[in-house]
């Protein structure tokens, strides 16, 4: 029997596609109900309808996950993230109440070492959730995050901001990255101008 050797993977790929669509539909329906603030049959059906419309008319590119979850590294990421969240919140609060203090800001272009869509999205979300930093733009082709950083006074502060983004990327990849992605973390970082 001759044929395409990849044909055996097609049914598995279709099943995976439909599974991903159902999961996305479930999440969109949950968000719809949370936005309405009430779980009811009407909101459930409305959420399913909106989710179906979104998935049919605005299809998203598939985001593949080739890594594996490492519980110890994931716990370390979460604990460090919470600590940075508290520290940054206190720093921003101090800036807000300090009389006469005018913070300076900068926009940094940070090239990530692991350029997968999932890593770009996770790193951008984690960086943006910390007060004082916000991802303004993502360049998918080049793997660059453009990050607005508050309270930058010296070139040393710029370097610290860039290091912080790369540190977040490192923690995320250690928590959920593949072996190949972990190896990419050891590559030298290209400076973005």
N, C-alpha and C. Protein backbone atom coordinates (compact mmCIF):
# COMPACT_ATOMS: atom_id res chain seq x y z
N UNK A 1 0.85 -1.18 0.00
CA UNK A 1 0.00 0.00 0.00
C UNK A 1 0.88 1.23 0.00
N UNK A 2 0.73 2.06 -0.98
CA UNK A 2 1.52 3.28 -1.05
C UNK A 2 0.63 4.45 -0.70
N UNK A 3 1.26 5.44 -0.21
CA UNK A 3 0.51 6.64 0.15
C UNK A 3 1.40 7.61 0.91
N UNK A 4 0.82 8.65 1.29
CA UNK A 4 1.54 9.69 2.02
C UNK A 4 1.77 9.21 3.45
N UNK A 5 3.03 9.14 3.92
CA UNK A 5 3.27 8.68 5.29
C UNK A 5 2.69 9.63 6.33
N UNK A 6 2.43 10.87 5.94
CA UNK A 6 1.86 11.82 6.89
C UNK A 6 0.35 11.63 7.05
N UNK A 7 -0.26 10.80 6.21
CA UNK A 7 -1.71 10.64 6.27
C UNK A 7 -2.16 10.03 7.59
N UNK A 8 -1.31 9.26 8.24
CA UNK A 8 -1.66 8.69 9.54
C UNK A 8 -1.77 9.77 10.61
N UNK A 9 -1.04 10.88 10.41
CA UNK A 9 -1.09 11.97 11.38
C UNK A 9 -2.30 12.88 11.19
N UNK A 10 -2.94 12.82 10.03
CA UNK A 10 -4.06 13.72 9.74
C UNK A 10 -5.24 13.53 10.69
N UNK A 11 -5.71 12.29 10.94
CA UNK A 11 -6.83 12.16 11.88
C UNK A 11 -6.48 12.68 13.28
N UNK A 12 -5.26 12.41 13.71
CA UNK A 12 -4.83 12.89 15.02
C UNK A 12 -4.81 14.42 15.04
N UNK A 13 -4.36 15.02 13.92
CA UNK A 13 -4.33 16.48 13.82
C UNK A 13 -5.71 17.09 13.84
N UNK A 14 -6.67 16.42 13.18
CA UNK A 14 -8.05 16.91 13.18
C UNK A 14 -8.65 16.82 14.57
N UNK A 15 -8.39 15.72 15.26
CA UNK A 15 -8.90 15.57 16.62
C UNK A 15 -8.31 16.65 17.53
N UNK A 16 -7.03 16.90 17.38
CA UNK A 16 -6.37 17.93 18.18
C UNK A 16 -6.97 19.31 17.86
N UNK A 17 -7.23 19.56 16.58
CA UNK A 17 -7.82 20.84 16.17
C UNK A 17 -9.19 21.03 16.83
N UNK A 18 -10.04 20.02 16.75
CA UNK A 18 -11.38 20.14 17.33
C UNK A 18 -11.32 20.22 18.85
N UNK A 19 -10.39 19.50 19.46
CA UNK A 19 -10.22 19.60 20.91
C UNK A 19 -9.85 21.02 21.30
N UNK A 20 -8.89 21.62 20.57
CA UNK A 20 -8.48 23.00 20.85
C UNK A 20 -9.64 23.97 20.65
N UNK A 21 -10.44 23.73 19.60
CA UNK A 21 -11.60 24.60 19.34
C UNK A 21 -12.61 24.51 20.48
N UNK A 22 -12.85 23.29 20.99
CA UNK A 22 -13.81 23.12 22.09
C UNK A 22 -13.29 23.78 23.37
N UNK A 23 -12.01 23.64 23.62
CA UNK A 23 -11.44 24.29 24.81
C UNK A 23 -11.57 25.81 24.69
N UNK A 24 -11.24 26.34 23.53
CA UNK A 24 -11.36 27.79 23.31
C UNK A 24 -12.81 28.23 23.44
N UNK A 25 -13.73 27.46 22.90
CA UNK A 25 -15.15 27.77 23.01
C UNK A 25 -15.58 27.80 24.48
N UNK A 26 -15.10 26.84 25.25
CA UNK A 26 -15.41 26.80 26.67
C UNK A 26 -14.89 28.02 27.41
N UNK A 27 -13.66 28.41 27.12
CA UNK A 27 -13.09 29.60 27.77
C UNK A 27 -13.83 30.86 27.37
N UNK A 28 -14.15 31.01 26.09
CA UNK A 28 -14.88 32.19 25.65
C UNK A 28 -16.27 32.25 26.29
N UNK A 29 -16.91 31.10 26.42
CA UNK A 29 -18.22 31.06 27.08
C UNK A 29 -18.10 31.44 28.55
N UNK A 30 -17.06 30.95 29.21
CA UNK A 30 -16.84 31.30 30.61
C UNK A 30 -16.61 32.80 30.76
N UNK A 31 -15.77 33.37 29.89
CA UNK A 31 -15.51 34.82 29.95
C UNK A 31 -16.80 35.59 29.71
N UNK A 32 -17.62 35.16 28.76
CA UNK A 32 -18.90 35.82 28.49
C UNK A 32 -19.77 35.84 29.75
N UNK A 33 -19.85 34.71 30.44
CA UNK A 33 -20.65 34.63 31.66
C UNK A 33 -20.07 35.49 32.77
N UNK A 34 -18.74 35.51 32.87
CA UNK A 34 -18.11 36.35 33.89
C UNK A 34 -18.34 37.84 33.61
N UNK A 35 -18.32 38.22 32.33
CA UNK A 35 -18.58 39.61 31.98
C UNK A 35 -20.02 40.02 32.31
N UNK A 36 -20.96 39.11 32.15
CA UNK A 36 -22.34 39.41 32.50
C UNK A 36 -22.56 39.34 34.01
N UNK A 37 -21.66 38.68 34.71
CA UNK A 37 -21.75 38.64 36.17
C UNK A 37 -22.78 37.67 36.72
N UNK A 38 -23.30 36.81 35.87
CA UNK A 38 -24.33 35.89 36.32
C UNK A 38 -24.31 34.66 35.42
N UNK A 39 -24.38 33.49 36.03
CA UNK A 39 -24.45 32.26 35.26
C UNK A 39 -25.93 31.87 35.14
N UNK A 40 -26.41 31.90 33.90
CA UNK A 40 -27.80 31.51 33.64
C UNK A 40 -27.81 30.75 32.31
N UNK A 41 -28.96 30.10 32.03
CA UNK A 41 -29.07 29.37 30.76
C UNK A 41 -28.97 30.32 29.58
N UNK A 42 -29.56 31.49 29.71
CA UNK A 42 -29.50 32.48 28.63
C UNK A 42 -28.07 32.95 28.38
N UNK A 43 -27.33 33.23 29.46
CA UNK A 43 -25.93 33.65 29.30
C UNK A 43 -25.07 32.51 28.76
N UNK A 44 -25.38 31.29 29.18
CA UNK A 44 -24.63 30.14 28.67
C UNK A 44 -24.84 29.98 27.16
N UNK A 45 -26.10 30.02 26.73
CA UNK A 45 -26.39 29.90 25.29
C UNK A 45 -25.85 31.09 24.51
N UNK A 46 -25.99 32.29 25.07
CA UNK A 46 -25.43 33.48 24.42
C UNK A 46 -23.92 33.40 24.31
N UNK A 47 -23.27 32.91 25.35
CA UNK A 47 -21.81 32.76 25.33
C UNK A 47 -21.37 31.74 24.30
N UNK A 48 -22.11 30.63 24.21
CA UNK A 48 -21.79 29.62 23.19
C UNK A 48 -21.95 30.19 21.78
N UNK A 49 -23.01 30.97 21.58
CA UNK A 49 -23.24 31.57 20.27
C UNK A 49 -22.13 32.57 19.91
N UNK A 50 -21.80 33.44 20.86
CA UNK A 50 -20.73 34.42 20.61
C UNK A 50 -19.40 33.70 20.38
N UNK A 51 -19.12 32.67 21.16
CA UNK A 51 -17.87 31.92 20.98
C UNK A 51 -17.82 31.28 19.59
N UNK A 52 -18.93 30.71 19.15
CA UNK A 52 -18.96 30.08 17.82
C UNK A 52 -18.73 31.12 16.73
N UNK A 53 -19.36 32.28 16.86
CA UNK A 53 -19.17 33.35 15.88
C UNK A 53 -17.71 33.80 15.85
N UNK A 54 -17.12 33.99 17.02
CA UNK A 54 -15.72 34.41 17.10
C UNK A 54 -14.81 33.37 16.46
N UNK A 55 -15.03 32.11 16.76
CA UNK A 55 -14.17 31.06 16.22
C UNK A 55 -14.33 30.87 14.71
N UNK A 56 -15.53 31.11 14.19
CA UNK A 56 -15.75 30.94 12.76
C UNK A 56 -15.25 32.14 11.97
N UNK A 57 -15.58 33.35 12.43
CA UNK A 57 -15.27 34.54 11.65
C UNK A 57 -13.92 35.19 11.99
N UNK A 58 -13.37 34.88 13.14
CA UNK A 58 -12.07 35.43 13.54
C UNK A 58 -11.14 34.31 14.01
N UNK A 59 -10.81 33.39 13.13
CA UNK A 59 -9.98 32.25 13.57
C UNK A 59 -8.58 32.71 13.98
N UNK A 60 -8.11 32.13 15.04
CA UNK A 60 -6.78 32.43 15.54
C UNK A 60 -5.78 31.42 14.99
N UNK A 61 -4.55 31.85 14.79
CA UNK A 61 -3.55 30.86 14.37
C UNK A 61 -3.32 29.87 15.50
N UNK A 62 -3.00 28.64 15.16
CA UNK A 62 -2.78 27.65 16.22
C UNK A 62 -1.51 27.98 17.01
N UNK A 63 -1.61 27.87 18.32
CA UNK A 63 -0.46 28.05 19.20
C UNK A 63 -0.11 26.68 19.74
N UNK A 64 1.05 26.20 19.36
CA UNK A 64 1.44 24.86 19.77
C UNK A 64 2.22 24.91 21.07
N UNK A 65 2.06 23.89 21.86
CA UNK A 65 2.79 23.76 23.11
C UNK A 65 3.63 22.51 23.02
N UNK A 66 4.93 22.70 22.84
CA UNK A 66 5.82 21.56 22.71
C UNK A 66 6.64 21.31 23.96
N UNK A 67 6.38 22.06 24.99
CA UNK A 67 7.17 21.93 26.21
C UNK A 67 6.55 20.97 27.19
N UNK A 68 7.01 21.09 28.41
CA UNK A 68 6.41 20.31 29.48
C UNK A 68 6.41 21.15 30.74
N UNK A 69 5.42 20.94 31.56
CA UNK A 69 5.29 21.72 32.79
C UNK A 69 6.22 21.14 33.83
N UNK A 70 7.05 21.99 34.40
CA UNK A 70 7.96 21.60 35.49
C UNK A 70 7.45 22.26 36.77
N UNK A 71 6.82 21.48 37.66
CA UNK A 71 6.16 22.07 38.84
C UNK A 71 7.09 22.93 39.71
N UNK A 72 8.31 22.49 39.93
CA UNK A 72 9.22 23.27 40.77
C UNK A 72 9.55 24.62 40.16
N UNK A 73 9.84 24.62 38.87
CA UNK A 73 10.16 25.87 38.18
C UNK A 73 8.91 26.75 38.07
N UNK A 74 7.74 26.14 37.90
CA UNK A 74 6.50 26.90 37.83
C UNK A 74 6.21 27.58 39.17
N UNK A 75 6.43 26.85 40.25
CA UNK A 75 6.24 27.42 41.58
C UNK A 75 7.22 28.57 41.81
N UNK A 76 8.48 28.38 41.41
CA UNK A 76 9.48 29.44 41.55
C UNK A 76 9.06 30.68 40.74
N UNK A 77 8.55 30.46 39.52
CA UNK A 77 8.09 31.58 38.70
C UNK A 77 6.97 32.33 39.41
N UNK A 78 5.97 31.60 39.91
CA UNK A 78 4.82 32.24 40.55
C UNK A 78 5.26 33.02 41.78
N UNK A 79 6.12 32.42 42.61
CA UNK A 79 6.57 33.11 43.83
C UNK A 79 7.36 34.37 43.49
N UNK A 80 8.27 34.28 42.53
CA UNK A 80 9.04 35.46 42.11
C UNK A 80 8.13 36.52 41.50
N UNK A 81 7.15 36.08 40.72
CA UNK A 81 6.22 37.02 40.10
C UNK A 81 5.44 37.79 41.17
N UNK A 82 4.93 37.09 42.17
CA UNK A 82 4.18 37.74 43.25
C UNK A 82 5.09 38.71 44.00
N UNK A 83 6.33 38.30 44.27
CA UNK A 83 7.28 39.20 44.97
C UNK A 83 7.54 40.45 44.13
N UNK A 84 7.74 40.29 42.82
CA UNK A 84 7.97 41.45 41.96
C UNK A 84 6.73 42.32 41.87
N UNK A 85 5.56 41.71 41.89
CA UNK A 85 4.31 42.45 41.85
C UNK A 85 4.18 43.36 43.08
N UNK A 86 4.48 42.82 44.24
CA UNK A 86 4.40 43.59 45.49
C UNK A 86 5.46 44.70 45.49
N UNK A 87 6.70 44.35 45.14
CA UNK A 87 7.78 45.33 45.13
C UNK A 87 7.49 46.46 44.16
N UNK A 88 7.06 46.12 42.95
CA UNK A 88 6.77 47.15 41.94
C UNK A 88 5.58 48.01 42.37
N UNK A 89 4.58 47.41 42.98
CA UNK A 89 3.42 48.19 43.46
C UNK A 89 3.84 49.20 44.51
N UNK A 90 4.70 48.78 45.43
CA UNK A 90 5.20 49.70 46.46
C UNK A 90 6.03 50.81 45.83
N UNK A 91 6.84 50.48 44.84
CA UNK A 91 7.67 51.48 44.16
C UNK A 91 6.79 52.50 43.43
N UNK A 92 5.77 52.06 42.74
CA UNK A 92 4.87 52.96 42.03
C UNK A 92 4.08 53.81 43.02
N UNK A 93 3.68 53.22 44.13
CA UNK A 93 2.97 53.98 45.17
C UNK A 93 3.86 55.09 45.72
N UNK A 94 5.13 54.78 45.93
CA UNK A 94 6.07 55.80 46.44
C UNK A 94 6.21 56.93 45.43
N UNK A 95 6.32 56.58 44.15
CA UNK A 95 6.43 57.60 43.10
C UNK A 95 5.19 58.48 43.09
N UNK A 96 4.03 57.87 43.26
CA UNK A 96 2.77 58.60 43.19
C UNK A 96 2.60 59.61 44.32
N UNK A 97 3.11 59.30 45.49
CA UNK A 97 2.89 60.19 46.65
C UNK A 97 4.10 61.06 46.97
N UNK A 98 5.21 60.84 46.34
CA UNK A 98 6.40 61.64 46.63
C UNK A 98 6.24 63.04 46.02
N UNK A 99 6.24 64.08 46.84
CA UNK A 99 6.01 65.43 46.32
C UNK A 99 7.17 65.89 45.41
N UNK A 100 6.80 66.46 44.29
CA UNK A 100 7.77 67.05 43.39
C UNK A 100 8.60 66.08 42.55
N UNK A 101 8.36 64.80 42.70
CA UNK A 101 9.15 63.81 41.95
C UNK A 101 8.54 63.61 40.57
N UNK A 102 9.33 63.78 39.54
CA UNK A 102 8.88 63.56 38.16
C UNK A 102 9.61 62.34 37.59
N UNK A 103 8.91 61.22 37.50
CA UNK A 103 9.57 60.02 36.97
C UNK A 103 9.81 60.15 35.48
N UNK A 104 10.89 59.57 35.03
CA UNK A 104 11.19 59.50 33.60
C UNK A 104 10.88 58.10 33.12
N UNK A 105 10.52 58.03 31.87
CA UNK A 105 10.16 56.74 31.30
C UNK A 105 11.01 56.49 30.06
N UNK A 106 11.05 55.23 29.66
CA UNK A 106 11.78 54.86 28.44
C UNK A 106 11.04 53.72 27.77
N UNK A 107 11.29 53.58 26.49
CA UNK A 107 10.76 52.44 25.74
C UNK A 107 11.95 51.60 25.31
N UNK A 108 11.95 50.35 25.75
CA UNK A 108 13.04 49.43 25.46
C UNK A 108 12.61 48.43 24.40
N UNK A 109 13.51 48.12 23.50
CA UNK A 109 13.29 47.03 22.55
C UNK A 109 14.11 45.85 23.05
N UNK A 110 13.41 44.78 23.43
CA UNK A 110 14.09 43.61 23.99
C UNK A 110 13.84 42.42 23.08
N UNK A 111 14.92 41.88 22.53
CA UNK A 111 14.83 40.69 21.67
C UNK A 111 14.88 39.46 22.57
N UNK A 112 13.83 38.64 22.48
CA UNK A 112 13.78 37.41 23.27
C UNK A 112 14.61 36.33 22.60
N UNK A 113 15.05 35.39 23.41
CA UNK A 113 15.86 34.30 22.87
C UNK A 113 15.00 33.19 22.30
N UNK A 114 13.85 32.95 22.90
CA UNK A 114 12.92 31.92 22.42
C UNK A 114 11.78 32.67 21.71
N UNK A 115 11.66 32.48 20.40
CA UNK A 115 10.77 33.32 19.60
C UNK A 115 9.48 32.63 19.20
N UNK A 116 8.99 31.72 20.01
CA UNK A 116 7.71 31.08 19.70
C UNK A 116 6.58 32.03 20.07
N UNK A 117 5.44 31.87 19.42
CA UNK A 117 4.28 32.71 19.73
C UNK A 117 3.87 32.58 21.19
N UNK A 118 3.90 31.35 21.70
CA UNK A 118 3.50 31.14 23.08
C UNK A 118 4.44 31.85 24.04
N UNK A 119 5.73 31.76 23.81
CA UNK A 119 6.68 32.43 24.69
C UNK A 119 6.54 33.95 24.60
N UNK A 120 6.37 34.47 23.40
CA UNK A 120 6.16 35.91 23.25
C UNK A 120 4.93 36.36 24.04
N UNK A 121 3.84 35.60 23.92
CA UNK A 121 2.59 35.97 24.60
C UNK A 121 2.73 35.87 26.12
N UNK A 122 3.29 34.77 26.60
CA UNK A 122 3.43 34.60 28.06
C UNK A 122 4.36 35.64 28.66
N UNK A 123 5.47 35.90 27.99
CA UNK A 123 6.42 36.89 28.51
C UNK A 123 5.79 38.28 28.48
N UNK A 124 5.12 38.62 27.39
CA UNK A 124 4.48 39.94 27.30
C UNK A 124 3.42 40.11 28.38
N UNK A 125 2.63 39.08 28.64
CA UNK A 125 1.61 39.17 29.67
C UNK A 125 2.23 39.34 31.06
N UNK A 126 3.23 38.52 31.35
CA UNK A 126 3.86 38.60 32.67
C UNK A 126 4.53 39.94 32.89
N UNK A 127 5.19 40.47 31.88
CA UNK A 127 5.85 41.78 32.01
C UNK A 127 4.81 42.88 32.18
N UNK A 128 3.73 42.83 31.42
CA UNK A 128 2.71 43.88 31.48
C UNK A 128 1.92 43.87 32.77
N UNK A 129 1.85 42.74 33.44
CA UNK A 129 1.08 42.66 34.68
C UNK A 129 1.81 43.30 35.86
N UNK A 130 3.11 43.52 35.74
CA UNK A 130 3.87 44.14 36.82
C UNK A 130 3.76 45.65 36.68
N UNK A 131 3.33 46.36 37.73
CA UNK A 131 3.21 47.82 37.65
C UNK A 131 4.54 48.47 37.29
N UNK A 132 4.47 49.47 36.42
CA UNK A 132 5.66 50.19 35.99
C UNK A 132 6.23 49.71 34.68
N UNK A 133 5.72 48.60 34.16
CA UNK A 133 6.15 48.09 32.85
C UNK A 133 4.91 47.75 32.04
N UNK A 134 5.01 48.00 30.74
CA UNK A 134 3.90 47.71 29.85
C UNK A 134 4.44 47.40 28.47
N UNK A 135 4.03 46.28 27.91
CA UNK A 135 4.44 45.94 26.55
C UNK A 135 3.56 46.73 25.59
N UNK A 136 4.20 47.56 24.77
CA UNK A 136 3.49 48.41 23.82
C UNK A 136 3.27 47.72 22.48
N UNK A 137 4.24 46.91 22.08
CA UNK A 137 4.16 46.27 20.78
C UNK A 137 4.99 44.99 20.80
N UNK A 138 4.57 44.04 19.98
CA UNK A 138 5.30 42.78 19.82
C UNK A 138 5.63 42.63 18.34
N UNK A 139 6.89 42.43 18.03
CA UNK A 139 7.32 42.14 16.66
C UNK A 139 7.54 40.64 16.57
N UNK A 140 6.53 39.93 16.05
CA UNK A 140 6.58 38.46 15.97
C UNK A 140 7.73 37.99 15.10
N UNK A 141 7.94 38.65 13.98
CA UNK A 141 8.96 38.20 13.03
C UNK A 141 10.35 38.19 13.66
N UNK A 142 10.67 39.22 14.40
CA UNK A 142 12.01 39.36 14.98
C UNK A 142 12.07 38.92 16.44
N UNK A 143 10.92 38.62 17.05
CA UNK A 143 10.91 38.19 18.45
C UNK A 143 11.27 39.31 19.41
N UNK A 144 10.75 40.52 19.14
CA UNK A 144 11.10 41.69 19.95
C UNK A 144 9.87 42.20 20.68
N UNK A 145 10.05 42.49 21.97
CA UNK A 145 9.03 43.17 22.76
C UNK A 145 9.46 44.62 22.94
N UNK A 146 8.54 45.55 22.70
CA UNK A 146 8.79 46.96 22.97
C UNK A 146 8.10 47.28 24.29
N UNK A 147 8.90 47.58 25.31
CA UNK A 147 8.41 47.69 26.68
C UNK A 147 8.58 49.11 27.19
N UNK A 148 7.50 49.69 27.70
CA UNK A 148 7.54 51.00 28.36
C UNK A 148 7.91 50.74 29.82
N UNK A 149 8.96 51.42 30.28
CA UNK A 149 9.44 51.23 31.65
C UNK A 149 9.39 52.58 32.35
N UNK A 150 8.83 52.60 33.54
CA UNK A 150 8.70 53.82 34.32
C UNK A 150 9.87 53.98 35.29
N UNK A 151 10.22 55.22 35.55
CA UNK A 151 11.26 55.59 36.52
C UNK A 151 12.65 55.12 36.08
N UNK A 152 13.06 55.58 34.92
CA UNK A 152 14.37 55.27 34.37
C UNK A 152 15.21 56.54 34.44
N UNK A 153 16.33 56.49 35.13
CA UNK A 153 17.18 57.67 35.30
C UNK A 153 18.53 57.56 34.59
N UNK A 154 19.08 56.37 34.55
CA UNK A 154 20.44 56.20 34.05
C UNK A 154 20.51 55.06 33.04
N UNK A 155 21.60 54.97 32.30
CA UNK A 155 21.78 53.81 31.41
C UNK A 155 21.75 52.49 32.17
N UNK A 156 22.17 52.53 33.41
CA UNK A 156 22.13 51.32 34.26
C UNK A 156 20.68 50.87 34.46
N UNK A 157 19.76 51.84 34.60
CA UNK A 157 18.34 51.50 34.74
C UNK A 157 17.80 50.86 33.46
N UNK A 158 18.27 51.35 32.30
CA UNK A 158 17.87 50.76 31.03
C UNK A 158 18.32 49.30 30.93
N UNK A 159 19.57 49.08 31.30
CA UNK A 159 20.11 47.71 31.28
C UNK A 159 19.35 46.82 32.26
N UNK A 160 18.99 47.36 33.42
CA UNK A 160 18.24 46.58 34.41
C UNK A 160 16.85 46.23 33.89
N UNK A 161 16.21 47.16 33.18
CA UNK A 161 14.89 46.88 32.60
C UNK A 161 14.96 45.78 31.56
N UNK A 162 15.98 45.84 30.71
CA UNK A 162 16.17 44.82 29.67
C UNK A 162 16.45 43.45 30.33
N UNK A 163 17.31 43.46 31.35
CA UNK A 163 17.64 42.22 32.07
C UNK A 163 16.39 41.63 32.72
N UNK A 164 15.54 42.51 33.25
CA UNK A 164 14.33 42.04 33.93
C UNK A 164 13.41 41.30 32.96
N UNK A 165 13.23 41.82 31.75
CA UNK A 165 12.39 41.16 30.75
C UNK A 165 12.98 39.80 30.39
N UNK A 166 14.29 39.75 30.19
CA UNK A 166 14.93 38.48 29.84
C UNK A 166 14.89 37.48 31.00
N UNK A 167 14.91 37.99 32.22
CA UNK A 167 14.79 37.11 33.39
C UNK A 167 13.40 36.50 33.46
N UNK A 168 12.38 37.30 33.17
CA UNK A 168 11.01 36.78 33.14
C UNK A 168 10.90 35.70 32.07
N UNK A 169 11.47 35.98 30.89
CA UNK A 169 11.45 34.97 29.82
C UNK A 169 12.12 33.68 30.29
N UNK A 170 13.26 33.80 30.94
CA UNK A 170 14.00 32.62 31.41
C UNK A 170 13.14 31.80 32.38
N UNK A 171 12.49 32.47 33.31
CA UNK A 171 11.66 31.76 34.29
C UNK A 171 10.49 31.05 33.62
N UNK A 172 9.88 31.71 32.64
CA UNK A 172 8.74 31.10 31.94
C UNK A 172 9.20 29.87 31.17
N UNK A 173 10.30 29.99 30.44
CA UNK A 173 10.79 28.85 29.65
C UNK A 173 11.21 27.71 30.57
N UNK A 174 11.82 28.02 31.70
CA UNK A 174 12.18 26.96 32.65
C UNK A 174 10.95 26.27 33.20
N UNK A 175 9.85 27.01 33.33
CA UNK A 175 8.63 26.44 33.90
C UNK A 175 7.85 25.61 32.89
N UNK A 176 7.80 26.04 31.61
CA UNK A 176 6.94 25.35 30.65
C UNK A 176 7.59 25.13 29.29
N UNK A 177 8.86 25.34 29.16
CA UNK A 177 9.52 25.22 27.85
C UNK A 177 9.97 23.81 27.53
N UNK A 178 10.28 23.60 26.27
CA UNK A 178 10.81 22.32 25.81
C UNK A 178 12.32 22.28 26.06
N UNK A 179 12.92 21.13 25.84
CA UNK A 179 14.37 21.00 26.01
C UNK A 179 15.12 21.90 25.02
N UNK A 180 14.62 21.99 23.79
CA UNK A 180 15.25 22.85 22.79
C UNK A 180 15.16 24.32 23.19
N UNK A 181 14.02 24.72 23.76
CA UNK A 181 13.87 26.11 24.22
C UNK A 181 14.79 26.41 25.38
N UNK A 182 14.97 25.42 26.26
CA UNK A 182 15.91 25.62 27.38
C UNK A 182 17.33 25.85 26.86
N UNK A 183 17.71 25.13 25.82
CA UNK A 183 19.04 25.33 25.22
C UNK A 183 19.18 26.72 24.61
N UNK A 184 18.09 27.24 24.05
CA UNK A 184 18.13 28.57 23.45
C UNK A 184 18.39 29.66 24.49
N UNK A 185 18.04 29.40 25.74
CA UNK A 185 18.27 30.39 26.79
C UNK A 185 19.75 30.65 27.02
N UNK A 186 20.59 29.68 26.67
CA UNK A 186 22.04 29.83 26.89
C UNK A 186 22.72 30.59 25.77
N UNK A 187 21.99 30.93 24.70
CA UNK A 187 22.57 31.68 23.61
C UNK A 187 22.74 33.14 24.03
N UNK A 188 23.78 33.80 23.48
CA UNK A 188 23.95 35.21 23.82
C UNK A 188 22.77 36.05 23.31
N UNK A 189 22.44 37.07 24.07
CA UNK A 189 21.32 37.94 23.73
C UNK A 189 21.78 38.98 22.71
N UNK A 190 21.00 39.11 21.63
CA UNK A 190 21.29 40.14 20.64
C UNK A 190 20.69 41.45 21.12
N UNK A 191 21.49 42.50 21.12
CA UNK A 191 20.99 43.82 21.53
C UNK A 191 20.14 44.39 20.42
N UNK A 192 19.01 44.97 20.78
CA UNK A 192 18.10 45.60 19.82
C UNK A 192 18.26 47.10 19.94
N UNK A 193 18.41 47.76 18.84
CA UNK A 193 18.57 49.24 18.86
C UNK A 193 17.35 49.90 18.33
